[in-house]
Amino acid sequence: MNVVLWAGGSLASLVLAFALVRQGLRRCRAAARADWGHGWLNTLDGLNRLFCRHFHRMRSVSLPLPEHGPALVVSNHVSGLDPLLLIASAQRPLRFIIAREQYERFGLNWLLRAVGCIPVDRAASPHRALSAARQALQRGEIVALFPHGRIHLDHEGHARLKPGIRHLAEVSGASVFPVRIDGITGQGQTLLAVIRRSRAKLKVFPPLQHDPDNPEQLLEQLAPLLSGKSHTREAGQLP
């Protein structure tokens, strides 16, 4: 009798676990907003949105990206959570330019390849990464990058933005969508920032354009927005 009861309890537990998994997957698929081209990636998209919304308490925000065609998304970089927050705020897939050492991190490389990340060698020439980003923009994709080139916290003072964003905006003609990330508990951390609960906030600014008559203007406009030292209104906010 005890064996029968144990077997019955085990079967009931398995059925319950299966039902919970199915319910969770269904909820993730319903929460997905971007089409990554594969069902399992779309499910992960929904899972990430739920994770950022409920665990990291990210305020509801949507990047005003074009429905079609190329665009550039740029943000300050304070932790390893940042890419997840940006993905959760976009209605289209984002292709991130990331450091090669992060791209080749054990256990994550397969996923970073699947979502189309572009590795860049920070100690060498960035030309190969910029070429891959240009090709992605030509295909009408959205490229995201952190123009500080690394994690940079506000208290560290001024840091010059990398010129890669200016180059990509110039050669592609794509609009640049600036985002400011705040409220991260694990600032300065990578993986730990993902599991330490935050009250994340993304401030989205109106898109910027490269001006061929004043090529330095784009970086000059971006710097105060990403540093939080600008009073420029947010996208969609009334003047």
C-alpha atoms as a PDB file:
ATOM      1  CA  MET A   1       0.000   0.000   0.000  1.00  0.00           C
ATOM      2  CA  ASN A   2       2.803   2.433   0.840  1.00  0.00           C
ATOM      3  CA  VAL A   3       4.429   1.767  -2.520  1.00  0.00           C
ATOM      4  CA  VAL A   4       1.156   2.442  -4.291  1.00  0.00           C
ATOM      5  CA  LEU A   5       0.648   5.686  -2.400  1.00  0.00           C
ATOM      6  CA  TRP A   6       4.225   6.786  -3.122  1.00  0.00           C
ATOM      7  CA  ALA A   7       3.846   5.985  -6.804  1.00  0.00           C
ATOM      8  CA  GLY A   8       0.530   7.792  -6.956  1.00  0.00           C
ATOM      9  CA  GLY A   9       1.957  10.842  -5.190  1.00  0.00           C
ATOM     10  CA  SER A  10       4.973  10.909  -7.484  1.00  0.00           C
ATOM     11  CA  LEU A  11       2.775  10.710 -10.585  1.00  0.00           C
ATOM     12  CA  ALA A  12       0.553  13.493  -9.293  1.00  0.00           C
ATOM     13  CA  SER A  13       3.621  15.655  -8.640  1.00  0.00           C
ATOM     14  CA  LEU A  14       4.894  15.051 -12.171  1.00  0.00           C
ATOM     15  CA  VAL A  15       1.530  15.918 -13.682  1.00  0.00           C
ATOM     16  CA  LEU A  16       1.346  19.096 -11.599  1.00  0.00           C
ATOM     17  CA  ALA A  17       4.908  20.077 -12.534  1.00  0.00           C
ATOM     18  CA  PHE A  18       4.170  19.474 -16.225  1.00  0.00           C
ATOM     19  CA  ALA A  19       1.019  21.588 -16.012  1.00  0.00           C
ATOM     20  CA  LEU A  20       2.903  24.417 -14.299  1.00  0.00           C
ATOM     21  CA  VAL A  21       5.642  24.339 -16.938  1.00  0.00           C
ATOM     22  CA  ARG A  22       3.074  24.430 -19.727  1.00  0.00           C
ATOM     23  CA  GLN A  23       1.301  27.342 -18.053  1.00  0.00           C
ATOM     24  CA  GLY A  24       4.597  29.185 -17.624  1.00  0.00           C
ATOM     25  CA  LEU A  25       5.572  28.665 -21.267  1.00  0.00           C
ATOM     26  CA  ARG A  26       2.147  29.833 -22.387  1.00  0.00           C
ATOM     27  CA  ARG A  27       2.499  32.975 -20.309  1.00  0.00           C
ATOM     28  CA  CYS A  28       5.983  33.653 -21.708  1.00  0.00           C
ATOM     29  CA  ARG A  29       4.776  33.269 -25.283  1.00  0.00           C
ATOM     30  CA  ALA A  30       1.885  35.649 -24.565  1.00  0.00           C
ATOM     31  CA  ALA A  31       4.283  38.246 -23.102  1.00  0.00           C
ATOM     32  CA  ALA A  32       6.648  38.184 -26.114  1.00  0.00           C
ATOM     33  CA  ARG A  33       6.639  41.288 -28.272  1.00  0.00           C
ATOM     34  CA  ALA A  34       9.609  40.960 -30.648  1.00  0.00           C
ATOM     35  CA  ASP A  35       9.841  38.339 -33.384  1.00  0.00           C
ATOM     36  CA  TRP A  36      13.304  36.751 -33.211  1.00  0.00           C
ATOM     37  CA  GLY A  37      12.578  34.296 -36.004  1.00  0.00           C
ATOM     38  CA  HIS A  38      12.416  31.199 -33.775  1.00  0.00           C
ATOM     39  CA  GLY A  39       9.677  30.088 -31.423  1.00  0.00           C
ATOM     40  CA  TRP A  40      12.012  29.279 -28.541  1.00  0.00           C
ATOM     41  CA  LEU A  41      13.710  32.685 -28.825  1.00  0.00           C
ATOM     42  CA  ASN A  42      10.316  34.381 -28.806  1.00  0.00           C
ATOM     43  CA  THR A  43       9.466  32.445 -25.646  1.00  0.00           C
ATOM     44  CA  LEU A  44      12.700  33.676 -24.061  1.00  0.00           C
ATOM     45  CA  ASP A  45      11.764  37.198 -25.138  1.00  0.00           C
ATOM     46  CA  GLY A  46       8.544  36.911 -23.171  1.00  0.00           C
ATOM     47  CA  LEU A  47      10.336  35.384 -20.187  1.00  0.00           C
ATOM     48  CA  ASN A  48      12.808  38.267 -20.173  1.00  0.00           C
ATOM     49  CA  ARG A  49      10.004  40.845 -20.267  1.00  0.00           C
ATOM     50  CA  LEU A  50       8.272  39.200 -17.316  1.00  0.00           C
ATOM     51  CA  PHE A  51      11.580  38.954 -15.454  1.00  0.00           C
ATOM     52  CA  CYS A  52      12.421  42.635 -15.968  1.00  0.00           C
ATOM     53  CA  ARG A  53       8.887  43.778 -15.203  1.00  0.00           C
ATOM     54  CA  HIS A  54       8.246  41.758 -12.058  1.00  0.00           C
ATOM     55  CA  PHE A  55      11.620  40.905 -10.555  1.00  0.00           C
ATOM     56  CA  HIS A  56      13.487  44.094 -11.477  1.00  0.00           C
ATOM     57  CA  ARG A  57      10.309  46.211 -11.279  1.00  0.00           C
ATOM     58  CA  MET A  58      11.082  47.952 -14.556  1.00  0.00           C
ATOM     59  CA  ARG A  59       8.616  50.728 -15.244  1.00  0.00           C
ATOM     60  CA  SER A  60       6.597  50.238 -18.396  1.00  0.00           C
ATOM     61  CA  VAL A  61       8.438  51.884 -21.277  1.00  0.00           C
ATOM     62  CA  SER A  62       8.604  51.269 -24.998  1.00  0.00           C
ATOM     63  CA  LEU A  63      11.367  52.426 -27.302  1.00  0.00           C
ATOM     64  CA  PRO A  64       9.744  54.391 -30.161  1.00  0.00           C
ATOM     65  CA  LEU A  65      11.568  52.349 -32.807  1.00  0.00           C
ATOM     66  CA  PRO A  66      10.444  52.315 -36.447  1.00  0.00           C
ATOM     67  CA  GLU A  67       8.324  49.324 -37.431  1.00  0.00           C
ATOM     68  CA  HIS A  68      10.688  48.614 -40.309  1.00  0.00           C
ATOM     69  CA  GLY A  69      14.165  49.655 -41.344  1.00  0.00           C
ATOM     70  CA  PRO A  70      17.432  50.285 -39.508  1.00  0.00           C
ATOM     71  CA  ALA A  71      17.926  52.081 -36.211  1.00  0.00           C
ATOM     72  CA  LEU A  72      20.624  52.499 -33.558  1.00  0.00           C
ATOM     73  CA  VAL A  73      19.946  52.170 -29.831  1.00  0.00           C
ATOM     74  CA  VAL A  74      22.544  53.573 -27.420  1.00  0.00           C
ATOM     75  CA  SER A  75      22.607  53.611 -23.638  1.00  0.00           C
ATOM     76  CA  ASN A  76      24.779  54.221 -20.632  1.00  0.00           C
ATOM     77  CA  HIS A  77      26.254  50.965 -19.311  1.00  0.00           C
ATOM     78  CA  VAL A  78      26.107  50.328 -15.561  1.00  0.00           C
ATOM     79  CA  SER A  79      25.733  46.541 -15.263  1.00  0.00           C
ATOM     80  CA  GLY A  80      25.223  43.201 -16.961  1.00  0.00           C
ATOM     81  CA  LEU A  81      21.466  43.681 -16.607  1.00  0.00           C
ATOM     82  CA  ASP A  82      21.402  46.544 -19.110  1.00  0.00           C
ATOM     83  CA  PRO A  83      20.964  44.488 -22.326  1.00  0.00           C
ATOM     84  CA  LEU A  84      18.033  42.579 -20.810  1.00  0.00           C
ATOM     85  CA  LEU A  85      16.285  45.832 -19.897  1.00  0.00           C
ATOM     86  CA  LEU A  86      16.766  47.286 -23.376  1.00  0.00           C
ATOM     87  CA  ILE A  87      15.479  44.108 -25.022  1.00  0.00           C
ATOM     88  CA  ALA A  88      12.450  44.197 -22.721  1.00  0.00           C
ATOM     89  CA  SER A  89      11.655  47.742 -23.831  1.00  0.00           C
ATOM     90  CA  ALA A  90      11.923  47.087 -27.589  1.00  0.00           C
ATOM     91  CA  GLN A  91       9.258  45.757 -29.928  1.00  0.00           C
ATOM     92  CA  ARG A  92      11.894  44.490 -32.343  1.00  0.00           C
ATOM     93  CA  PRO A  93      15.027  42.346 -31.864  1.00  0.00           C
ATOM     94  CA  LEU A  94      18.203  44.209 -30.901  1.00  0.00           C
ATOM     95  CA  ARG A  95      21.635  43.140 -32.135  1.00  0.00           C
ATOM     96  CA  PHE A  96      24.169  44.134 -29.501  1.00  0.00           C
ATOM     97  CA  ILE A  97      27.809  44.959 -30.092  1.00  0.00           C
ATOM     98  CA  ILE A  98      29.521  43.365 -27.092  1.00  0.00           C
ATOM     99  CA  ALA A  99      33.053  42.717 -25.882  1.00  0.00           C
ATOM    100  CA  ARG A 100      34.461  39.453 -27.220  1.00  0.00           C
ATOM    101  CA  GLU A 101      35.330  38.208 -23.731  1.00  0.00           C
ATOM    102  CA  GLN A 102      31.636  38.472 -22.831  1.00  0.00           C
ATOM    103  CA  TYR A 103      30.575  36.976 -26.161  1.00  0.00           C
ATOM    104  CA  GLU A 104      32.741  33.920 -25.537  1.00  0.00           C
ATOM    105  CA  ARG A 105      31.682  33.472 -21.905  1.00  0.00           C
ATOM    106  CA  PHE A 106      31.163  29.781 -21.174  1.00  0.00           C
ATOM    107  CA  GLY A 107      27.518  28.755 -21.125  1.00  0.00           C
ATOM    108  CA  LEU A 108      26.274  31.936 -22.808  1.00  0.00           C
ATOM    109  CA  ASN A 109      28.000  31.894 -26.200  1.00  0.00           C
ATOM    110  CA  TRP A 110      25.294  29.728 -27.803  1.00  0.00           C
ATOM    111  CA  LEU A 111      22.593  32.191 -26.775  1.00  0.00           C
ATOM    112  CA  LEU A 112      24.569  35.293 -27.765  1.00  0.00           C
ATOM    113  CA  ARG A 113      25.153  33.752 -31.188  1.00  0.00           C
ATOM    114  CA  ALA A 114      21.466  32.887 -31.528  1.00  0.00           C
ATOM    115  CA  VAL A 115      20.341  36.469 -30.858  1.00  0.00           C
ATOM    116  CA  GLY A 116      22.894  37.876 -33.307  1.00  0.00           C
ATOM    117  CA  CYS A 117      25.312  39.654 -30.989  1.00  0.00           C
ATOM    118  CA  ILE A 118      28.348  41.186 -32.674  1.00  0.00           C
ATOM    119  CA  PRO A 119      31.652  40.625 -30.818  1.00  0.00           C
ATOM    120  CA  VAL A 120      34.270  43.365 -30.748  1.00  0.00           C
ATOM    121  CA  ASP A 121      37.902  43.097 -29.653  1.00  0.00           C
ATOM    122  CA  ARG A 122      38.362  46.057 -27.330  1.00  0.00           C
ATOM    123  CA  ALA A 123      42.155  45.693 -27.335  1.00  0.00           C
ATOM    124  CA  ALA A 124      42.348  45.538 -31.142  1.00  0.00           C
ATOM    125  CA  SER A 125      40.798  47.270 -34.133  1.00  0.00           C
ATOM    126  CA  PRO A 126      36.985  47.523 -34.065  1.00  0.00           C
ATOM    127  CA  HIS A 127      36.741  47.520 -37.878  1.00  0.00           C
ATOM    128  CA  ARG A 128      35.434  43.950 -38.158  1.00  0.00           C
ATOM    129  CA  ALA A 129      32.666  44.596 -35.630  1.00  0.00           C
ATOM    130  CA  LEU A 130      31.732  47.894 -37.270  1.00  0.00           C
ATOM    131  CA  SER A 131      31.593  46.177 -40.656  1.00  0.00           C
ATOM    132  CA  ALA A 132      29.215  43.520 -39.272  1.00  0.00           C
ATOM    133  CA  ALA A 133      27.086  46.258 -37.698  1.00  0.00           C
ATOM    134  CA  ARG A 134      26.940  48.174 -40.998  1.00  0.00           C
ATOM    135  CA  GLN A 135      25.761  45.046 -42.790  1.00  0.00           C
ATOM    136  CA  ALA A 136      23.076  44.485 -40.161  1.00  0.00           C
ATOM    137  CA  LEU A 137      21.841  48.057 -40.602  1.00  0.00           C
ATOM    138  CA  GLN A 138      21.810  47.619 -44.379  1.00  0.00           C
ATOM    139  CA  ARG A 139      19.524  44.630 -43.868  1.00  0.00           C
ATOM    140  CA  GLY A 140      17.167  46.884 -41.922  1.00  0.00           C
ATOM    141  CA  GLU A 141      18.034  45.520 -38.466  1.00  0.00           C
ATOM    142  CA  ILE A 142      18.449  47.390 -35.194  1.00  0.00           C
ATOM    143  CA  VAL A 143      21.923  47.587 -33.671  1.00  0.00           C
ATOM    144  CA  ALA A 144      22.384  48.404 -29.995  1.00  0.00           C
ATOM    145  CA  LEU A 145      25.609  49.451 -28.312  1.00  0.00           C
ATOM    146  CA  PHE A 146      27.061  51.104 -25.243  1.00  0.00           C
ATOM    147  CA  PRO A 147      29.211  53.982 -26.538  1.00  0.00           C
ATOM    148  CA  HIS A 148      31.271  54.184 -23.348  1.00  0.00           C
ATOM    149  CA  GLY A 149      32.727  50.868 -24.480  1.00  0.00           C
ATOM    150  CA  ARG A 150      32.564  49.337 -20.996  1.00  0.00           C
ATOM    151  CA  ILE A 151      30.671  49.575 -17.709  1.00  0.00           C
ATOM    152  CA  HIS A 152      30.923  53.194 -16.631  1.00  0.00           C
ATOM    153  CA  LEU A 153      29.311  54.561 -13.471  1.00  0.00           C
ATOM    154  CA  ASP A 154      28.340  58.187 -12.949  1.00  0.00           C
ATOM    155  CA  HIS A 155      30.687  58.733 -10.007  1.00  0.00           C
ATOM    156  CA  GLU A 156      33.665  57.810 -12.194  1.00  0.00           C
ATOM    157  CA  GLY A 157      33.444  61.177 -13.922  1.00  0.00           C
ATOM    158  CA  HIS A 158      33.441  62.080 -17.581  1.00  0.00           C
ATOM    159  CA  ALA A 159      34.375  59.407 -20.106  1.00  0.00           C
ATOM    160  CA  ARG A 160      34.674  60.127 -23.795  1.00  0.00           C
ATOM    161  CA  LEU A 161      32.186  58.270 -25.991  1.00  0.00           C
ATOM    162  CA  LYS A 162      33.579  55.920 -28.616  1.00  0.00           C
ATOM    163  CA  PRO A 163      33.230  57.278 -32.178  1.00  0.00           C
ATOM    164  CA  GLY A 164      31.774  54.028 -33.526  1.00  0.00           C
ATOM    165  CA  ILE A 165      28.208  55.230 -33.037  1.00  0.00           C
ATOM    166  CA  ARG A 166      28.934  58.366 -35.053  1.00  0.00           C
ATOM    167  CA  HIS A 167      30.427  56.270 -37.861  1.00  0.00           C
ATOM    168  CA  LEU A 168      27.449  53.892 -37.973  1.00  0.00           C
ATOM    169  CA  ALA A 169      24.951  56.756 -37.975  1.00  0.00           C
ATOM    170  CA  GLU A 170      26.870  58.457 -40.770  1.00  0.00           C
ATOM    171  CA  VAL A 171      27.185  55.466 -43.111  1.00  0.00           C
ATOM    172  CA  SER A 172      23.679  54.116 -42.512  1.00  0.00           C
ATOM    173  CA  GLY A 173      21.611  57.268 -42.108  1.00  0.00           C
ATOM    174  CA  ALA A 174      19.812  55.490 -39.254  1.00  0.00           C
ATOM    175  CA  SER A 175      18.286  57.400 -36.370  1.00  0.00           C
ATOM    176  CA  VAL A 176      19.951  57.106 -32.959  1.00  0.00           C
ATOM    177  CA  PHE A 177      17.680  56.357 -29.993  1.00  0.00           C
ATOM    178  CA  PRO A 178      19.327  57.360 -26.666  1.00  0.00           C
ATOM    179  CA  VAL A 179      18.342  55.633 -23.423  1.00  0.00           C
ATOM    180  CA  ARG A 180      19.397  56.372 -19.855  1.00  0.00           C
ATOM    181  CA  ILE A 181      19.322  53.434 -17.379  1.00  0.00           C
ATOM    182  CA  ASP A 182      18.874  54.092 -13.636  1.00  0.00           C
ATOM    183  CA  GLY A 183      17.838  52.256 -10.491  1.00  0.00           C
ATOM    184  CA  ILE A 184      20.147  49.239 -10.821  1.00  0.00           C
ATOM    185  CA  THR A 185      21.091  47.633  -7.503  1.00  0.00           C
ATOM    186  CA  GLY A 186      24.136  45.757  -8.811  1.00  0.00           C
ATOM    187  CA  GLN A 187      25.882  48.677 -10.467  1.00  0.00           C
ATOM    188  CA  GLY A 188      29.348  47.749 -11.678  1.00  0.00           C
ATOM    189  CA  GLN A 189      28.509  44.032 -11.683  1.00  0.00           C
ATOM    190  CA  THR A 190      27.736  41.701 -14.565  1.00  0.00           C
ATOM    191  CA  LEU A 191      26.046  38.402 -13.671  1.00  0.00           C
ATOM    192  CA  LEU A 192      25.338  39.403 -10.061  1.00  0.00           C
ATOM    193  CA  ALA A 193      23.383  42.429 -11.280  1.00  0.00           C
ATOM    194  CA  VAL A 194      20.962  40.082 -13.030  1.00  0.00           C
ATOM    195  CA  ILE A 195      20.059  38.213  -9.827  1.00  0.00           C
ATOM    196  CA  ARG A 196      20.119  41.184  -7.437  1.00  0.00           C
ATOM    197  CA  ARG A 197      16.668  42.767  -7.473  1.00  0.00           C
ATOM    198  CA  SER A 198      16.506  46.318  -8.805  1.00  0.00           C
ATOM    199  CA  ARG A 199      13.937  49.032  -9.346  1.00  0.00           C
ATOM    200  CA  ALA A 200      14.965  49.659 -12.915  1.00  0.00           C
ATOM    201  CA  LYS A 201      14.031  52.782 -14.797  1.00  0.00           C
ATOM    202  CA  LEU A 202      14.680  53.586 -18.442  1.00  0.00           C
ATOM    203  CA  LYS A 203      14.467  57.167 -19.657  1.00  0.00           C
ATOM    204  CA  VAL A 204      13.955  57.298 -23.418  1.00  0.00           C
ATOM    205  CA  PHE A 205      14.876  60.452 -25.337  1.00  0.00           C
ATOM    206  CA  PRO A 206      13.788  61.617 -28.805  1.00  0.00           C
ATOM    207  CA  PRO A 207      15.900  60.183 -31.644  1.00  0.00           C
ATOM    208  CA  LEU A 208      18.977  62.000 -32.904  1.00  0.00           C
ATOM    209  CA  GLN A 209      20.393  62.277 -36.417  1.00  0.00           C
ATOM    210  CA  HIS A 210      23.921  62.516 -37.759  1.00  0.00           C
ATOM    211  CA  ASP A 211      24.586  65.977 -39.182  1.00  0.00           C
ATOM    212  CA  PRO A 212      27.120  65.797 -42.033  1.00  0.00           C
ATOM    213  CA  ASP A 213      27.841  69.517 -41.613  1.00  0.00           C
ATOM    214  CA  ASN A 214      28.651  69.055 -37.930  1.00  0.00           C
ATOM    215  CA  PRO A 215      29.879  65.463 -37.419  1.00  0.00           C
ATOM    216  CA  GLU A 216      30.869  66.012 -33.771  1.00  0.00           C
ATOM    217  CA  GLN A 217      27.398  67.177 -32.796  1.00  0.00           C
ATOM    218  CA  LEU A 218      25.980  63.665 -32.331  1.00  0.00           C
ATOM    219  CA  LEU A 219      28.480  62.719 -29.631  1.00  0.00           C
ATOM    220  CA  GLU A 220      28.090  66.134 -28.003  1.00  0.00           C
ATOM    221  CA  GLN A 221      24.309  65.602 -27.808  1.00  0.00           C
ATOM    222  CA  LEU A 222      24.593  62.027 -26.574  1.00  0.00           C
ATOM    223  CA  ALA A 223      27.076  62.618 -23.745  1.00  0.00           C
ATOM    224  CA  PRO A 224      24.779  64.614 -21.389  1.00  0.00           C
ATOM    225  CA  LEU A 225      21.790  62.369 -22.129  1.00  0.00           C
ATOM    226  CA  LEU A 226      23.622  59.199 -21.156  1.00  0.00           C
ATOM    227  CA  SER A 227      25.253  60.814 -18.134  1.00  0.00           C
ATOM    228  CA  GLY A 228      21.941  62.076 -16.743  1.00  0.00           C
ATOM    229  CA  LYS A 229      23.078  65.692 -16.885  1.00  0.00           C
ATOM    230  CA  SER A 230      20.632  66.815 -19.538  1.00  0.00           C
ATOM    231  CA  HIS A 231      17.204  68.382 -19.104  1.00  0.00           C
ATOM    232  CA  THR A 232      16.126  67.307 -22.586  1.00  0.00           C
ATOM    233  CA  ARG A 233      12.538  66.076 -22.542  1.00  0.00           C
ATOM    234  CA  GLU A 234      11.790  62.380 -22.850  1.00  0.00           C
ATOM    235  CA  ALA A 235      10.296  60.866 -26.000  1.00  0.00           C
ATOM    236  CA  GLY A 236       6.563  61.364 -26.119  1.00  0.00           C
ATOM    237  CA  GLN A 237       6.622  64.020 -23.387  1.00  0.00           C
ATOM    238  CA  LEU A 238       4.787  67.249 -24.127  1.00  0.00           C
ATOM    239  CA  PRO A 239       7.007  70.365 -24.352  1.00  0.00           C
END
